[in-house]
Amino acid sequence: MDLKTEALADIEATRKFFDRTTRVLEEADAGFSPTPETMTVTAQIAHVAQSIDWFRAGGFEDRWTMDWEAMAAELARVQSLAEARRWLGEAWGRLRAAVEAMPEAKLGETIAENPILPPRARAYTVTGIADHTAHHRGSLAVYARLLGKVPAMPYGDD
């Protein structure tokens, strides 16, 4: 399988697993967090969206932003679960479009020196996204259970 096909399949699987696990969460759950210092449901989903855009800009465009305060302020502006999910859908779309538009040779190029990912082919940026998204998918599954809900098995059928 070529890098582009593999990356696109990984994007789709990661999106599907995240959506399947988190669809049990509703707008009424948007402000829930297990402790005051943890992210809310809305913040977690917005953070996933922001991170997809962040990884895309860094891994595919060599633009690694490290302004954590500005990124936190951007997250704080998201006020609803619907808004966070909209951002997430758009971020997946931007990522998919970036991979589709990138020539196979460029996907195979080693990413520029950066403080986040080891030197690997650009296409493997998607692996970092998948891993990060899985981390938050798991957190949100715990949040759902704390709210008395049962998240769907991520790998099951719809």
C-alpha atoms as a PDB file:
ATOM      1  CA  MET A   1       0.000   0.000   0.000  1.00  0.00           C
ATOM      2  CA  ASP A   2       1.372   3.441  -0.858  1.00  0.00           C
ATOM      3  CA  LEU A   3       1.858   6.140   1.790  1.00  0.00           C
ATOM      4  CA  LYS A   4      -1.109   8.228   0.648  1.00  0.00           C
ATOM      5  CA  THR A   5      -3.557   5.307   0.690  1.00  0.00           C
ATOM      6  CA  GLU A   6      -2.276   4.203   4.094  1.00  0.00           C
ATOM      7  CA  ALA A   7      -2.486   7.718   5.572  1.00  0.00           C
ATOM      8  CA  LEU A   8      -6.018   8.263   4.252  1.00  0.00           C
ATOM      9  CA  ALA A   9      -7.148   4.892   5.647  1.00  0.00           C
ATOM     10  CA  ASP A  10      -5.615   5.759   9.037  1.00  0.00           C
ATOM     11  CA  ILE A  11      -7.372   9.142   9.056  1.00  0.00           C
ATOM     12  CA  GLU A  12     -10.723   7.548   8.315  1.00  0.00           C
ATOM     13  CA  ALA A  13     -10.298   4.808  10.929  1.00  0.00           C
ATOM     14  CA  THR A  14      -9.149   7.251  13.610  1.00  0.00           C
ATOM     15  CA  ARG A  15     -12.053   9.600  12.891  1.00  0.00           C
ATOM     16  CA  LYS A  16     -14.548   6.755  12.927  1.00  0.00           C
ATOM     17  CA  PHE A  17     -13.213   5.315  16.213  1.00  0.00           C
ATOM     18  CA  PHE A  18     -13.258   8.732  17.895  1.00  0.00           C
ATOM     19  CA  ASP A  19     -16.756   9.576  16.666  1.00  0.00           C
ATOM     20  CA  ARG A  20     -18.159   6.183  17.625  1.00  0.00           C
ATOM     21  CA  THR A  21     -16.805   6.403  21.178  1.00  0.00           C
ATOM     22  CA  THR A  22     -17.812  10.016  21.779  1.00  0.00           C
ATOM     23  CA  ARG A  23     -21.227  10.151  20.098  1.00  0.00           C
ATOM     24  CA  VAL A  24     -22.855   9.206  23.426  1.00  0.00           C
ATOM     25  CA  LEU A  25     -21.854  12.628  24.772  1.00  0.00           C
ATOM     26  CA  GLU A  26     -24.505  15.334  24.395  1.00  0.00           C
ATOM     27  CA  GLU A  27     -24.627  19.111  24.730  1.00  0.00           C
ATOM     28  CA  ALA A  28     -25.822  18.666  28.328  1.00  0.00           C
ATOM     29  CA  ASP A  29     -22.465  16.988  29.018  1.00  0.00           C
ATOM     30  CA  ALA A  30     -20.403  19.765  27.381  1.00  0.00           C
ATOM     31  CA  GLY A  31     -19.172  21.368  30.601  1.00  0.00           C
ATOM     32  CA  PHE A  32     -18.429  18.148  32.473  1.00  0.00           C
ATOM     33  CA  SER A  33     -14.951  17.462  33.774  1.00  0.00           C
ATOM     34  CA  PRO A  34     -14.092  14.945  36.491  1.00  0.00           C
ATOM     35  CA  THR A  35     -12.026  17.467  38.460  1.00  0.00           C
ATOM     36  CA  PRO A  36     -11.657  21.243  38.283  1.00  0.00           C
ATOM     37  CA  GLU A  37      -8.181  21.041  36.745  1.00  0.00           C
ATOM     38  CA  THR A  38      -9.114  18.693  33.887  1.00  0.00           C
ATOM     39  CA  MET A  39     -10.518  19.662  30.510  1.00  0.00           C
ATOM     40  CA  THR A  40     -14.261  19.634  29.949  1.00  0.00           C
ATOM     41  CA  VAL A  41     -15.892  17.417  27.330  1.00  0.00           C
ATOM     42  CA  THR A  42     -16.039  20.424  24.988  1.00  0.00           C
ATOM     43  CA  ALA A  43     -12.417  21.364  25.644  1.00  0.00           C
ATOM     44  CA  GLN A  44     -11.236  17.798  25.010  1.00  0.00           C
ATOM     45  CA  ILE A  45     -12.974  17.617  21.634  1.00  0.00           C
ATOM     46  CA  ALA A  46     -11.824  21.118  20.671  1.00  0.00           C
ATOM     47  CA  HIS A  47      -8.294  20.163  21.713  1.00  0.00           C
ATOM     48  CA  VAL A  48      -8.400  17.126  19.419  1.00  0.00           C
ATOM     49  CA  ALA A  49      -9.505  19.381  16.546  1.00  0.00           C
ATOM     50  CA  GLN A  50      -6.810  21.926  17.328  1.00  0.00           C
ATOM     51  CA  SER A  51      -4.174  19.190  17.537  1.00  0.00           C
ATOM     52  CA  ILE A  52      -5.128  17.747  14.164  1.00  0.00           C
ATOM     53  CA  ASP A  53      -4.615  21.193  12.626  1.00  0.00           C
ATOM     54  CA  TRP A  54      -1.392  21.620  14.627  1.00  0.00           C
ATOM     55  CA  PHE A  55       0.079  18.280  13.508  1.00  0.00           C
ATOM     56  CA  ARG A  56      -0.953  18.974   9.893  1.00  0.00           C
ATOM     57  CA  ALA A  57       0.746  22.382   9.885  1.00  0.00           C
ATOM     58  CA  GLY A  58       3.864  20.977  11.510  1.00  0.00           C
ATOM     59  CA  GLY A  59       4.238  17.659   9.743  1.00  0.00           C
ATOM     60  CA  PHE A  60       3.123  18.682   6.280  1.00  0.00           C
ATOM     61  CA  GLU A  61       3.999  22.398   6.187  1.00  0.00           C
ATOM     62  CA  ASP A  62       6.953  22.577   8.632  1.00  0.00           C
ATOM     63  CA  ARG A  63       5.070  25.103  10.789  1.00  0.00           C
ATOM     64  CA  TRP A  64       5.369  23.808  14.370  1.00  0.00           C
ATOM     65  CA  THR A  65       3.661  26.372  16.602  1.00  0.00           C
ATOM     66  CA  MET A  66       4.770  26.288  20.208  1.00  0.00           C
ATOM     67  CA  ASP A  67       2.728  29.198  21.533  1.00  0.00           C
ATOM     68  CA  TRP A  68       0.839  27.163  24.127  1.00  0.00           C
ATOM     69  CA  GLU A  69      -0.808  30.243  25.675  1.00  0.00           C
ATOM     70  CA  ALA A  70      -2.323  31.311  22.351  1.00  0.00           C
ATOM     71  CA  MET A  71      -3.499  27.769  21.738  1.00  0.00           C
ATOM     72  CA  ALA A  72      -5.108  27.632  25.205  1.00  0.00           C
ATOM     73  CA  ALA A  73      -6.856  30.950  24.510  1.00  0.00           C
ATOM     74  CA  GLU A  74      -8.166  29.566  21.213  1.00  0.00           C
ATOM     75  CA  LEU A  75      -9.605  26.556  23.054  1.00  0.00           C
ATOM     76  CA  ALA A  76     -11.205  28.764  25.703  1.00  0.00           C
ATOM     77  CA  ARG A  77     -13.265  30.487  23.011  1.00  0.00           C
ATOM     78  CA  VAL A  78     -15.100  27.253  22.157  1.00  0.00           C
ATOM     79  CA  GLN A  79     -18.305  27.396  24.164  1.00  0.00           C
ATOM     80  CA  SER A  80     -20.389  24.434  23.000  1.00  0.00           C
ATOM     81  CA  LEU A  81     -20.029  20.790  22.141  1.00  0.00           C
ATOM     82  CA  ALA A  82     -21.605  21.497  18.755  1.00  0.00           C
ATOM     83  CA  GLU A  83     -18.940  24.126  18.040  1.00  0.00           C
ATOM     84  CA  ALA A  84     -16.141  21.744  19.100  1.00  0.00           C
ATOM     85  CA  ARG A  85     -17.553  18.975  16.901  1.00  0.00           C
ATOM     86  CA  ARG A  86     -17.864  21.357  13.961  1.00  0.00           C
ATOM     87  CA  TRP A  87     -14.207  22.339  14.371  1.00  0.00           C
ATOM     88  CA  LEU A  88     -13.267  18.658  14.604  1.00  0.00           C
ATOM     89  CA  GLY A  89     -15.115  17.805  11.391  1.00  0.00           C
ATOM     90  CA  GLU A  90     -13.435  20.696   9.599  1.00  0.00           C
ATOM     91  CA  ALA A  91     -10.007  19.694  10.943  1.00  0.00           C
ATOM     92  CA  TRP A  92     -10.469  16.135   9.654  1.00  0.00           C
ATOM     93  CA  GLY A  93     -11.453  17.609   6.285  1.00  0.00           C
ATOM     94  CA  ARG A  94      -8.370  19.838   6.159  1.00  0.00           C
ATOM     95  CA  LEU A  95      -6.122  16.923   7.067  1.00  0.00           C
ATOM     96  CA  ARG A  96      -7.653  14.658   4.456  1.00  0.00           C
ATOM     97  CA  ALA A  97      -7.377  17.385   1.796  1.00  0.00           C
ATOM     98  CA  ALA A  98      -3.714  18.000   2.679  1.00  0.00           C
ATOM     99  CA  VAL A  99      -2.874  14.313   2.308  1.00  0.00           C
ATOM    100  CA  GLU A 100      -4.866  13.982  -0.925  1.00  0.00           C
ATOM    101  CA  ALA A 101      -3.136  17.040  -2.429  1.00  0.00           C
ATOM    102  CA  MET A 102       0.387  16.039  -1.439  1.00  0.00           C
ATOM    103  CA  PRO A 103       2.383  14.118  -4.020  1.00  0.00           C
ATOM    104  CA  GLU A 104       3.502  10.656  -2.914  1.00  0.00           C
ATOM    105  CA  ALA A 105       7.155  11.752  -3.115  1.00  0.00           C
ATOM    106  CA  LYS A 106       6.543  14.627  -0.688  1.00  0.00           C
ATOM    107  CA  LEU A 107       4.648  12.315   1.692  1.00  0.00           C
ATOM    108  CA  GLY A 108       7.785  10.172   1.697  1.00  0.00           C
ATOM    109  CA  GLU A 109      10.122  13.077   2.484  1.00  0.00           C
ATOM    110  CA  THR A 110      11.564  13.218   5.979  1.00  0.00           C
ATOM    111  CA  ILE A 111       9.898  15.922   8.045  1.00  0.00           C
ATOM    112  CA  ALA A 112      12.005  18.904   9.016  1.00  0.00           C
ATOM    113  CA  GLU A 113      13.815  18.934  12.346  1.00  0.00           C
ATOM    114  CA  ASN A 114      11.250  19.684  15.029  1.00  0.00           C
ATOM    115  CA  PRO A 115      10.704  19.300  18.786  1.00  0.00           C
ATOM    116  CA  ILE A 116       7.791  16.846  18.498  1.00  0.00           C
ATOM    117  CA  LEU A 117       8.138  14.034  15.981  1.00  0.00           C
ATOM    118  CA  PRO A 118      11.233  11.978  15.202  1.00  0.00           C
ATOM    119  CA  PRO A 119      12.641  12.156  11.673  1.00  0.00           C
ATOM    120  CA  ARG A 120      10.261  10.040   9.602  1.00  0.00           C
ATOM    121  CA  ALA A 121       8.307  10.379   6.410  1.00  0.00           C
ATOM    122  CA  ARG A 122       5.719  13.183   6.435  1.00  0.00           C
ATOM    123  CA  ALA A 123       2.952  10.627   6.000  1.00  0.00           C
ATOM    124  CA  TYR A 124       3.698   9.291   9.480  1.00  0.00           C
ATOM    125  CA  THR A 125       2.446  12.549  10.940  1.00  0.00           C
ATOM    126  CA  VAL A 126      -0.926  10.793  10.722  1.00  0.00           C
ATOM    127  CA  THR A 127       0.375   8.172  13.171  1.00  0.00           C
ATOM    128  CA  GLY A 128       1.031  10.926  15.711  1.00  0.00           C
ATOM    129  CA  ILE A 129      -2.484  12.250  15.153  1.00  0.00           C
ATOM    130  CA  ALA A 130      -3.967   8.776  15.598  1.00  0.00           C
ATOM    131  CA  ASP A 131      -2.070   8.220  18.838  1.00  0.00           C
ATOM    132  CA  HIS A 132      -2.993  11.611  20.270  1.00  0.00           C
ATOM    133  CA  THR A 133      -6.632  11.199  19.253  1.00  0.00           C
ATOM    134  CA  ALA A 134      -6.764   7.722  20.833  1.00  0.00           C
ATOM    135  CA  HIS A 135      -5.517   9.205  24.102  1.00  0.00           C
ATOM    136  CA  HIS A 136      -8.397  11.696  24.191  1.00  0.00           C
ATOM    137  CA  ARG A 137     -10.888   9.101  22.949  1.00  0.00           C
ATOM    138  CA  GLY A 138     -10.005   7.023  26.011  1.00  0.00           C
ATOM    139  CA  SER A 139     -10.341   9.993  28.334  1.00  0.00           C
ATOM    140  CA  LEU A 140     -13.739  10.824  26.895  1.00  0.00           C
ATOM    141  CA  ALA A 141     -14.865   7.211  27.258  1.00  0.00           C
ATOM    142  CA  VAL A 142     -14.068   7.527  30.985  1.00  0.00           C
ATOM    143  CA  TYR A 143     -15.926  10.851  31.116  1.00  0.00           C
ATOM    144  CA  ALA A 144     -18.957   9.178  29.520  1.00  0.00           C
ATOM    145  CA  ARG A 145     -18.903   6.381  32.095  1.00  0.00           C
ATOM    146  CA  LEU A 146     -18.605   8.902  34.920  1.00  0.00           C
ATOM    147  CA  LEU A 147     -21.748  10.512  33.482  1.00  0.00           C
ATOM    148  CA  GLY A 148     -23.512   7.123  33.637  1.00  0.00           C
ATOM    149  CA  LYS A 149     -23.306   6.526  29.878  1.00  0.00           C
ATOM    150  CA  VAL A 150     -21.882   3.599  27.966  1.00  0.00           C
ATOM    151  CA  PRO A 151     -19.705   4.594  25.025  1.00  0.00           C
ATOM    152  CA  ALA A 152     -19.874   2.393  21.961  1.00  0.00           C
ATOM    153  CA  MET A 153     -16.985   0.019  21.303  1.00  0.00           C
ATOM    154  CA  PRO A 154     -14.785   2.058  18.957  1.00  0.00           C
ATOM    155  CA  TYR A 155     -14.018  -0.852  16.618  1.00  0.00           C
ATOM    156  CA  GLY A 156     -17.572  -2.171  16.306  1.00  0.00           C
ATOM    157  CA  ASP A 157     -20.103  -1.741  13.567  1.00  0.00           C
ATOM    158  CA  ASP A 158     -22.580   1.118  13.383  1.00  0.00           C
END
